[in-house]
Every structure is written in C-alpha cells, then in structure tokens.
PDB file of all heavy atoms in Angstrom:
ATOM      1  N   ILE A   1     -11.259 -71.224 -11.428  1.00  0.00           N
ATOM      2  CA  ILE A   1     -10.802 -71.912 -12.645  1.00  0.00           C
ATOM      3  C   ILE A   1     -11.688 -73.111 -12.970  1.00  0.00           C
ATOM      4  O   ILE A   1     -12.042 -73.332 -14.137  1.00  0.00           O
ATOM      5  CB  ILE A   1      -9.338 -72.371 -12.472  1.00  0.00           C
ATOM      6  CG1 ILE A   1      -8.401 -71.165 -12.468  1.00  0.00           C
ATOM      7  CG2 ILE A   1      -8.928 -73.348 -13.579  1.00  0.00           C
ATOM      8  CD1 ILE A   1      -6.986 -71.503 -12.048  1.00  0.00           C
ATOM      9  N   THR A   2     -12.056 -73.885 -11.971  1.00  0.00           N
ATOM     10  CA  THR A   2     -12.736 -75.161 -12.204  1.00  0.00           C
ATOM     11  C   THR A   2     -14.226 -75.148 -11.874  1.00  0.00           C
ATOM     12  O   THR A   2     -14.971 -76.027 -12.329  1.00  0.00           O
ATOM     13  CB  THR A   2     -12.099 -76.283 -11.379  1.00  0.00           C
ATOM     14  OG1 THR A   2     -12.325 -76.021  -9.975  1.00  0.00           O
ATOM     15  CG2 THR A   2     -10.602 -76.366 -11.643  1.00  0.00           C
ATOM     16  N   GLY A   3     -14.650 -74.191 -11.062  1.00  0.00           N
ATOM     17  CA  GLY A   3     -16.027 -74.184 -10.589  1.00  0.00           C
ATOM     18  C   GLY A   3     -16.275 -75.159  -9.457  1.00  0.00           C
ATOM     19  O   GLY A   3     -17.413 -75.360  -9.036  1.00  0.00           O
ATOM     20  N   LEU A   4     -15.206 -75.757  -8.937  1.00  0.00           N
ATOM     21  CA  LEU A   4     -15.317 -76.794  -7.914  1.00  0.00           C
ATOM     22  C   LEU A   4     -14.604 -76.377  -6.629  1.00  0.00           C
ATOM     23  O   LEU A   4     -13.714 -75.533  -6.649  1.00  0.00           O
ATOM     24  CB  LEU A   4     -14.701 -78.107  -8.421  1.00  0.00           C
ATOM     25  CG  LEU A   4     -15.290 -78.686  -9.706  1.00  0.00           C
ATOM     26  CD1 LEU A   4     -14.427 -79.852 -10.185  1.00  0.00           C
ATOM     27  CD2 LEU A   4     -16.731 -79.124  -9.492  1.00  0.00           C
ATOM     28  N   GLU A   5     -14.999 -77.019  -5.536  1.00  0.00           N
ATOM     29  CA  GLU A   5     -14.290 -76.828  -4.281  1.00  0.00           C
ATOM     30  C   GLU A   5     -13.029 -77.699  -4.283  1.00  0.00           C
ATOM     31  O   GLU A   5     -13.058 -78.847  -4.712  1.00  0.00           O
ATOM     32  CB  GLU A   5     -15.167 -77.223  -3.092  1.00  0.00           C
ATOM     33  CG  GLU A   5     -16.349 -76.293  -2.855  1.00  0.00           C
ATOM     34  CD  GLU A   5     -15.928 -74.909  -2.375  1.00  0.00           C
ATOM     35  OE1 GLU A   5     -14.792 -74.772  -1.870  1.00  0.00           O
ATOM     36  OE2 GLU A   5     -16.744 -73.976  -2.511  1.00  0.00           O
ATOM     37  N   MET A   6     -11.941 -77.149  -3.797  1.00  0.00           N
ATOM     38  CA  MET A   6     -10.693 -77.897  -3.711  1.00  0.00           C
ATOM     39  C   MET A   6     -10.750 -78.899  -2.568  1.00  0.00           C
ATOM     40  O   MET A   6     -11.389 -78.659  -1.540  1.00  0.00           O
ATOM     41  CB  MET A   6      -9.530 -76.923  -3.497  1.00  0.00           C
ATOM     42  CG  MET A   6      -8.179 -77.569  -3.274  1.00  0.00           C
ATOM     43  SD  MET A   6      -6.844 -76.346  -3.208  1.00  0.00           S
ATOM     44  CE  MET A   6      -6.353 -76.327  -4.928  1.00  0.00           C
ATOM     45  N   ALA A   7     -10.094 -80.035  -2.758  1.00  0.00           N
ATOM     46  CA  ALA A   7      -9.986 -81.026  -1.683  1.00  0.00           C
ATOM     47  C   ALA A   7      -9.299 -80.402  -0.465  1.00  0.00           C
ATOM     48  O   ALA A   7      -8.430 -79.541  -0.601  1.00  0.00           O
ATOM     49  CB  ALA A   7      -9.195 -82.239  -2.166  1.00  0.00           C
ATOM     50  N   TRP A   8      -9.659 -80.875   0.713  1.00  0.00           N
ATOM     51  CA  TRP A   8      -9.098 -80.326   1.953  1.00  0.00           C
ATOM     52  C   TRP A   8      -7.811 -81.067   2.315  1.00  0.00           C
ATOM     53  O   TRP A   8      -7.662 -81.621   3.401  1.00  0.00           O
ATOM     54  CB  TRP A   8     -10.123 -80.395   3.075  1.00  0.00           C
ATOM     55  CG  TRP A   8     -11.260 -79.451   2.847  1.00  0.00           C
ATOM     56  CD1 TRP A   8     -12.423 -79.692   2.167  1.00  0.00           C
ATOM     57  CD2 TRP A   8     -11.326 -78.082   3.262  1.00  0.00           C
ATOM     58  NE1 TRP A   8     -13.210 -78.557   2.137  1.00  0.00           N
ATOM     59  CE2 TRP A   8     -12.564 -77.559   2.809  1.00  0.00           C
ATOM     60  CE3 TRP A   8     -10.464 -77.244   3.992  1.00  0.00           C
ATOM     61  CZ2 TRP A   8     -12.947 -76.242   3.052  1.00  0.00           C
ATOM     62  CZ3 TRP A   8     -10.852 -75.940   4.237  1.00  0.00           C
ATOM     63  CH2 TRP A   8     -12.079 -75.449   3.778  1.00  0.00           C
ATOM     64  N   TYR A   9      -6.874 -81.052   1.360  1.00  0.00           N
ATOM     65  CA  TYR A   9      -5.575 -81.688   1.528  1.00  0.00           C
ATOM     66  C   TYR A   9      -4.494 -80.614   1.430  1.00  0.00           C
ATOM     67  O   TYR A   9      -4.491 -79.808   0.490  1.00  0.00           O
ATOM     68  CB  TYR A   9      -5.325 -82.746   0.453  1.00  0.00           C
ATOM     69  CG  TYR A   9      -6.335 -83.878   0.422  1.00  0.00           C
ATOM     70  CD1 TYR A   9      -6.534 -84.611  -0.738  1.00  0.00           C
ATOM     71  CD2 TYR A   9      -7.089 -84.214   1.544  1.00  0.00           C
ATOM     72  CE1 TYR A   9      -7.453 -85.645  -0.778  1.00  0.00           C
ATOM     73  CE2 TYR A   9      -8.003 -85.241   1.513  1.00  0.00           C
ATOM     74  CZ  TYR A   9      -8.189 -85.951   0.347  1.00  0.00           C
ATOM     75  OH  TYR A   9      -9.098 -86.973   0.303  1.00  0.00           O
ATOM     76  N   TYR A  10      -3.567 -80.647   2.357  1.00  0.00           N
ATOM     77  CA  TYR A  10      -2.511 -79.632   2.441  1.00  0.00           C
ATOM     78  C   TYR A  10      -1.154 -80.306   2.517  1.00  0.00           C
ATOM     79  O   TYR A  10      -0.981 -81.305   3.221  1.00  0.00           O
ATOM     80  CB  TYR A  10      -2.753 -78.769   3.688  1.00  0.00           C
ATOM     81  CG  TYR A  10      -1.564 -77.987   4.197  1.00  0.00           C
ATOM     82  CD1 TYR A  10      -0.958 -77.009   3.423  1.00  0.00           C
ATOM     83  CD2 TYR A  10      -1.057 -78.222   5.487  1.00  0.00           C
ATOM     84  CE1 TYR A  10       0.129 -76.290   3.910  1.00  0.00           C
ATOM     85  CE2 TYR A  10       0.017 -77.505   5.978  1.00  0.00           C
ATOM     86  CZ  TYR A  10       0.615 -76.536   5.185  1.00  0.00           C
ATOM     87  OH  TYR A  10       1.687 -75.833   5.669  1.00  0.00           O
ATOM     88  N   ARG A  11      -0.200 -79.773   1.768  1.00  0.00           N
ATOM     89  CA  ARG A  11       1.189 -80.218   1.885  1.00  0.00           C
ATOM     90  C   ARG A  11       2.077 -79.018   2.190  1.00  0.00           C
ATOM     91  O   ARG A  11       2.122 -78.046   1.409  1.00  0.00           O
ATOM     92  CB  ARG A  11       1.666 -80.911   0.611  1.00  0.00           C
ATOM     93  CG  ARG A  11       3.181 -81.224   0.641  1.00  0.00           C
ATOM     94  CD  ARG A  11       3.575 -82.224  -0.419  1.00  0.00           C
ATOM     95  NE  ARG A  11       3.154 -83.570  -0.043  1.00  0.00           N
ATOM     96  CZ  ARG A  11       3.021 -84.576  -0.911  1.00  0.00           C
ATOM     97  NH1 ARG A  11       3.248 -84.375  -2.197  1.00  0.00           N
ATOM     98  NH2 ARG A  11       2.644 -85.771  -0.488  1.00  0.00           N
ATOM     99  N   PRO A  12       2.815 -79.048   3.288  1.00  0.00           N
ATOM    100  CA  PRO A  12       3.682 -77.928   3.644  1.00  0.00           C
ATOM    101  C   PRO A  12       4.818 -77.759   2.629  1.00  0.00           C
ATOM    102  O   PRO A  12       5.504 -78.730   2.299  1.00  0.00           O
ATOM    103  CB  PRO A  12       4.240 -78.326   5.015  1.00  0.00           C
ATOM    104  CG  PRO A  12       3.295 -79.361   5.537  1.00  0.00           C
ATOM    105  CD  PRO A  12       2.801 -80.090   4.329  1.00  0.00           C
ATOM    106  N   PRO A  13       5.031 -76.544   2.117  1.00  0.00           N
ATOM    107  CA  PRO A  13       6.154 -76.307   1.209  1.00  0.00           C
ATOM    108  C   PRO A  13       7.478 -76.732   1.832  1.00  0.00           C
ATOM    109  O   PRO A  13       7.744 -76.449   3.012  1.00  0.00           O
ATOM    110  CB  PRO A  13       6.109 -74.788   0.989  1.00  0.00           C
ATOM    111  CG  PRO A  13       4.667 -74.439   1.187  1.00  0.00           C
ATOM    112  CD  PRO A  13       4.193 -75.345   2.285  1.00  0.00           C
ATOM    113  N   GLN A  14       8.285 -77.438   1.048  1.00  0.00           N
ATOM    114  CA  GLN A  14       9.607 -77.927   1.462  1.00  0.00           C
ATOM    115  C   GLN A  14       9.528 -78.880   2.659  1.00  0.00           C
ATOM    116  O   GLN A  14      10.560 -79.206   3.260  1.00  0.00           O
ATOM    117  CB  GLN A  14      10.537 -76.747   1.802  1.00  0.00           C
ATOM    118  CG  GLN A  14      10.707 -75.750   0.667  1.00  0.00           C
ATOM    119  CD  GLN A  14      11.514 -74.543   1.105  1.00  0.00           C
ATOM    120  OE1 GLN A  14      12.685 -74.673   1.461  1.00  0.00           O
ATOM    121  NE2 GLN A  14      10.895 -73.366   1.104  1.00  0.00           N
ATOM    122  N   GLY A  15       8.320 -79.305   3.024  1.00  0.00           N
ATOM    123  CA  GLY A  15       8.177 -80.177   4.178  1.00  0.00           C
ATOM    124  C   GLY A  15       8.475 -79.499   5.497  1.00  0.00           C
ATOM    125  O   GLY A  15       8.692 -80.169   6.509  1.00  0.00           O
ATOM    126  N   LYS A  16       8.459 -78.165   5.530  1.00  0.00           N
ATOM    127  CA  LYS A  16       8.743 -77.434   6.769  1.00  0.00           C
ATOM    128  C   LYS A  16       7.452 -77.276   7.560  1.00  0.00           C
ATOM    129  O   LYS A  16       6.451 -76.801   7.038  1.00  0.00           O
ATOM    130  CB  LYS A  16       9.358 -76.072   6.466  1.00  0.00           C
ATOM    131  CG  LYS A  16      10.743 -76.165   5.849  1.00  0.00           C
ATOM    132  CD  LYS A  16      11.364 -74.786   5.652  1.00  0.00           C
ATOM    133  CE  LYS A  16      12.785 -74.904   5.109  1.00  0.00           C
ATOM    134  NZ  LYS A  16      13.419 -73.582   4.914  1.00  0.00           N
ATOM    135  N   TYR A  17       7.510 -77.662   8.835  1.00  0.00           N
ATOM    136  CA  TYR A  17       6.295 -77.644   9.636  1.00  0.00           C
ATOM    137  C   TYR A  17       6.632 -77.458  11.107  1.00  0.00           C
ATOM    138  O   TYR A  17       7.782 -77.581  11.522  1.00  0.00           O
ATOM    139  CB  TYR A  17       5.524 -78.957   9.446  1.00  0.00           C
ATOM    140  CG  TYR A  17       6.163 -80.147  10.122  1.00  0.00           C
ATOM    141  CD1 TYR A  17       5.705 -80.605  11.357  1.00  0.00           C
ATOM    142  CD2 TYR A  17       7.254 -80.812   9.552  1.00  0.00           C
ATOM    143  CE1 TYR A  17       6.298 -81.685  11.997  1.00  0.00           C
ATOM    144  CE2 TYR A  17       7.846 -81.892  10.180  1.00  0.00           C
ATOM    145  CZ  TYR A  17       7.367 -82.326  11.404  1.00  0.00           C
ATOM    146  OH  TYR A  17       7.964 -83.388  12.028  1.00  0.00           O
ATOM    147  N   SER A  18       5.599 -77.180  11.862  1.00  0.00           N
ATOM    148  CA  SER A  18       5.681 -77.161  13.320  1.00  0.00           C
ATOM    149  C   SER A  18       4.379 -77.732  13.846  1.00  0.00           C
ATOM    150  O   SER A  18       3.395 -77.860  13.116  1.00  0.00           O
ATOM    151  CB  SER A  18       5.871 -75.734  13.841  1.00  0.00           C
ATOM    152  OG  SER A  18       4.710 -74.959  13.574  1.00  0.00           O
ATOM    153  N   THR A  19       4.356 -78.083  15.096  1.00  0.00           N
ATOM    154  CA  THR A  19       3.111 -78.554  15.694  1.00  0.00           C
ATOM    155  C   THR A  19       2.027 -77.498  15.575  1.00  0.00           C
ATOM    156  O   THR A  19       0.867 -77.799  15.291  1.00  0.00           O
ATOM    157  CB  THR A  19       3.328 -78.904  17.174  1.00  0.00           C
ATOM    158  OG1 THR A  19       4.302 -79.937  17.264  1.00  0.00           O
ATOM    159  CG2 THR A  19       2.043 -79.384  17.812  1.00  0.00           C
ATOM    160  N   GLN A  20       2.402 -76.234  15.760  1.00  0.00           N
ATOM    161  CA  GLN A  20       1.437 -75.145  15.646  1.00  0.00           C
ATOM    162  C   GLN A  20       0.822 -75.135  14.250  1.00  0.00           C
ATOM    163  O   GLN A  20      -0.395 -74.964  14.094  1.00  0.00           O
ATOM    164  CB  GLN A  20       2.122 -73.807  15.927  1.00  0.00           C
ATOM    165  CG  GLN A  20       1.173 -72.619  15.932  1.00  0.00           C
ATOM    166  CD  GLN A  20       1.899 -71.303  16.162  1.00  0.00           C
ATOM    167  OE1 GLN A  20       3.076 -71.170  15.856  1.00  0.00           O
ATOM    168  NE2 GLN A  20       1.177 -70.331  16.706  1.00  0.00           N
ATOM    169  N   ASN A  21       1.641 -75.329  13.210  1.00  0.00           N
ATOM    170  CA  ASN A  21       1.128 -75.385  11.837  1.00  0.00           C
ATOM    171  C   ASN A  21       0.160 -76.535  11.648  1.00  0.00           C
ATOM    172  O   ASN A  21      -0.892 -76.403  11.012  1.00  0.00           O
ATOM    173  CB  ASN A  21       2.263 -75.571  10.843  1.00  0.00           C
ATOM    174  CG  ASN A  21       3.171 -74.374  10.707  1.00  0.00           C
ATOM    175  OD1 ASN A  21       4.296 -74.501  10.273  1.00  0.00           O
ATOM    176  ND2 ASN A  21       2.686 -73.201  11.081  1.00  0.00           N
ATOM    177  N   LEU A  22       0.537 -77.714  12.171  1.00  0.00           N
ATOM    178  CA  LEU A  22      -0.327 -78.874  12.007  1.00  0.00           C
ATOM    179  C   LEU A  22      -1.673 -78.638  12.680  1.00  0.00           C
ATOM    180  O   LEU A  22      -2.718 -79.021  12.154  1.00  0.00           O
ATOM    181  CB  LEU A  22       0.351 -80.117  12.591  1.00  0.00           C
ATOM    182  CG  LEU A  22       1.653 -80.567  11.915  1.00  0.00           C
ATOM    183  CD1 LEU A  22       2.204 -81.804  12.612  1.00  0.00           C
ATOM    184  CD2 LEU A  22       1.453 -80.833  10.434  1.00  0.00           C
ATOM    185  N   LYS A  23      -1.650 -77.989  13.833  1.00  0.00           N
ATOM    186  CA  LYS A  23      -2.891 -77.672  14.533  1.00  0.00           C
ATOM    187  C   LYS A  23      -3.713 -76.668  13.739  1.00  0.00           C
ATOM    188  O   LYS A  23      -4.944 -76.784  13.650  1.00  0.00           O
ATOM    189  CB  LYS A  23      -2.591 -77.115  15.925  1.00  0.00           C
ATOM    190  CG  LYS A  23      -2.095 -78.144  16.930  1.00  0.00           C
ATOM    191  CD  LYS A  23      -1.842 -77.485  18.266  1.00  0.00           C
ATOM    192  CE  LYS A  23      -1.400 -78.489  19.317  1.00  0.00           C
ATOM    193  NZ  LYS A  23      -1.095 -77.837  20.615  1.00  0.00           N
ATOM    194  N   MET A  24      -3.058 -75.661  13.163  1.00  0.00           N
ATOM    195  CA  MET A  24      -3.769 -74.671  12.361  1.00  0.00           C
ATOM    196  C   MET A  24      -4.475 -75.333  11.182  1.00  0.00           C
ATOM    197  O   MET A  24      -5.651 -75.078  10.912  1.00  0.00           O
ATOM    198  CB  MET A  24      -2.796 -73.604  11.848  1.00  0.00           C
ATOM    199  CG  MET A  24      -2.304 -72.621  12.876  1.00  0.00           C
ATOM    200  SD  MET A  24      -1.131 -71.455  12.113  1.00  0.00           S
ATOM    201  CE  MET A  24      -0.688 -70.448  13.516  1.00  0.00           C
ATOM    202  N   ALA A  25      -3.740 -76.172  10.457  1.00  0.00           N
ATOM    203  CA  ALA A  25      -4.318 -76.856   9.305  1.00  0.00           C
ATOM    204  C   ALA A  25      -5.503 -77.709   9.743  1.00  0.00           C
ATOM    205  O   ALA A  25      -6.556 -77.732   9.084  1.00  0.00           O
ATOM    206  CB  ALA A  25      -3.261 -77.710   8.615  1.00  0.00           C
ATOM    207  N   GLN A  26      -5.348 -78.400  10.853  1.00  0.00           N
ATOM    208  CA  GLN A  26      -6.419 -79.245  11.374  1.00  0.00           C
ATOM    209  C   GLN A  26      -7.642 -78.405  11.737  1.00  0.00           C
ATOM    210  O   GLN A  26      -8.779 -78.771  11.397  1.00  0.00           O
ATOM    211  CB  GLN A  26      -5.911 -80.002  12.592  1.00  0.00           C
ATOM    212  CG  GLN A  26      -6.905 -81.000  13.174  1.00  0.00           C
ATOM    213  CD  GLN A  26      -6.330 -81.702  14.399  1.00  0.00           C
ATOM    214  OE1 GLN A  26      -5.705 -81.066  15.254  1.00  0.00           O
ATOM    215  NE2 GLN A  26      -6.507 -83.010  14.476  1.00  0.00           N
ATOM    216  N   GLU A  27      -7.430 -77.274  12.396  1.00  0.00           N
ATOM    217  CA  GLU A  27      -8.540 -76.408  12.785  1.00  0.00           C
ATOM    218  C   GLU A  27      -9.280 -75.863  11.576  1.00  0.00           C
ATOM    219  O   GLU A  27     -10.498 -75.642  11.631  1.00  0.00           O
ATOM    220  CB  GLU A  27      -8.017 -75.259  13.643  1.00  0.00           C
ATOM    221  CG  GLU A  27      -7.578 -75.681  15.037  1.00  0.00           C
ATOM    222  CD  GLU A  27      -6.898 -74.560  15.803  1.00  0.00           C
ATOM    223  OE1 GLU A  27      -6.916 -73.410  15.303  1.00  0.00           O
ATOM    224  OE2 GLU A  27      -6.351 -74.828  16.883  1.00  0.00           O
ATOM    225  N   LEU A  28      -8.561 -75.668  10.462  1.00  0.00           N
ATOM    226  CA  LEU A  28      -9.182 -75.158   9.237  1.00  0.00           C
ATOM    227  C   LEU A  28      -9.882 -76.254   8.446  1.00  0.00           C
ATOM    228  O   LEU A  28     -10.560 -75.963   7.459  1.00  0.00           O
ATOM    229  CB  LEU A  28      -8.125 -74.480   8.364  1.00  0.00           C
ATOM    230  CG  LEU A  28      -7.519 -73.190   8.929  1.00  0.00           C
ATOM    231  CD1 LEU A  28      -6.339 -72.727   8.074  1.00  0.00           C
ATOM    232  CD2 LEU A  28      -8.580 -72.089   9.017  1.00  0.00           C
ATOM    233  N   GLY A  29      -9.714 -77.507   8.869  1.00  0.00           N
ATOM    234  CA  GLY A  29     -10.391 -78.607   8.207  1.00  0.00           C
ATOM    235  C   GLY A  29      -9.542 -79.407   7.247  1.00  0.00           C
ATOM    236  O   GLY A  29     -10.055 -80.258   6.517  1.00  0.00           O
ATOM    237  N   TYR A  30      -8.227 -79.150   7.256  1.00  0.00           N
ATOM    238  CA  TYR A  30      -7.330 -79.832   6.318  1.00  0.00           C
ATOM    239  C   TYR A  30      -6.750 -81.109   6.911  1.00  0.00           C
ATOM    240  O   TYR A  30      -6.541 -81.215   8.122  1.00  0.00           O
ATOM    241  CB  TYR A  30      -6.161 -78.918   5.936  1.00  0.00           C
ATOM    242  CG  TYR A  30      -6.526 -77.844   4.952  1.00  0.00           C
ATOM    243  CD1 TYR A  30      -6.938 -76.587   5.392  1.00  0.00           C
ATOM    244  CD2 TYR A  30      -6.463 -78.074   3.577  1.00  0.00           C
ATOM    245  CE1 TYR A  30      -7.279 -75.584   4.495  1.00  0.00           C
ATOM    246  CE2 TYR A  30      -6.800 -77.078   2.672  1.00  0.00           C
ATOM    247  CZ  TYR A  30      -7.208 -75.841   3.135  1.00  0.00           C
ATOM    248  OH  TYR A  30      -7.553 -74.859   2.251  1.00  0.00           O
ATOM    249  N   LYS A  31      -6.454 -82.038   6.030  1.00  0.00           N
ATOM    250  CA  LYS A  31      -5.565 -83.152   6.320  1.00  0.00           C
ATOM    251  C   LYS A  31      -4.213 -82.808   5.721  1.00  0.00           C
ATOM    252  O   LYS A  31      -4.132 -82.380   4.562  1.00  0.00           O
ATOM    253  CB  LYS A  31      -6.112 -84.456   5.741  1.00  0.00           C
ATOM    254  CG  LYS A  31      -7.345 -84.980   6.473  1.00  0.00           C
ATOM    255  CD  LYS A  31      -7.836 -86.267   5.858  1.00  0.00           C
ATOM    256  CE  LYS A  31      -8.905 -86.918   6.740  1.00  0.00           C
ATOM    257  NZ  LYS A  31     -10.071 -86.050   6.963  1.00  0.00           N
ATOM    258  N   THR A  32      -3.153 -82.968   6.491  1.00  0.00           N
ATOM    259  CA  THR A  32      -1.793 -82.667   6.030  1.00  0.00           C
ATOM    260  C   THR A  32      -1.130 -83.952   5.540  1.00  0.00           C
ATOM    261  O   THR A  32      -1.140 -84.958   6.247  1.00  0.00           O
ATOM    262  CB  THR A  32      -0.960 -82.059   7.172  1.00  0.00           C
ATOM    263  OG1 THR A  32      -1.580 -80.836   7.601  1.00  0.00           O
ATOM    264  CG2 THR A  32       0.463 -81.778   6.714  1.00  0.00           C
TER     265      THR A  32
END
C-alpha cells in the first residue's frame, strides 16, 4: 500500500500475551 517498510512495533490483540509470545516477537525483531 505505502511502498515502505512497517515499523517493528507489535501490540498483542486484546493485550493477551505469554512469555513465549514476547520471546517470539523479540526474536523476529519486534518491540512489543
């Protein structure tokens, strides 16, 4: 849509998370 790379920022839907999720996001390069 934009021709740009999206920022590496992630927000969990409904604020539902686990430590495993936070680690996954971190490994992929995201800040949660």
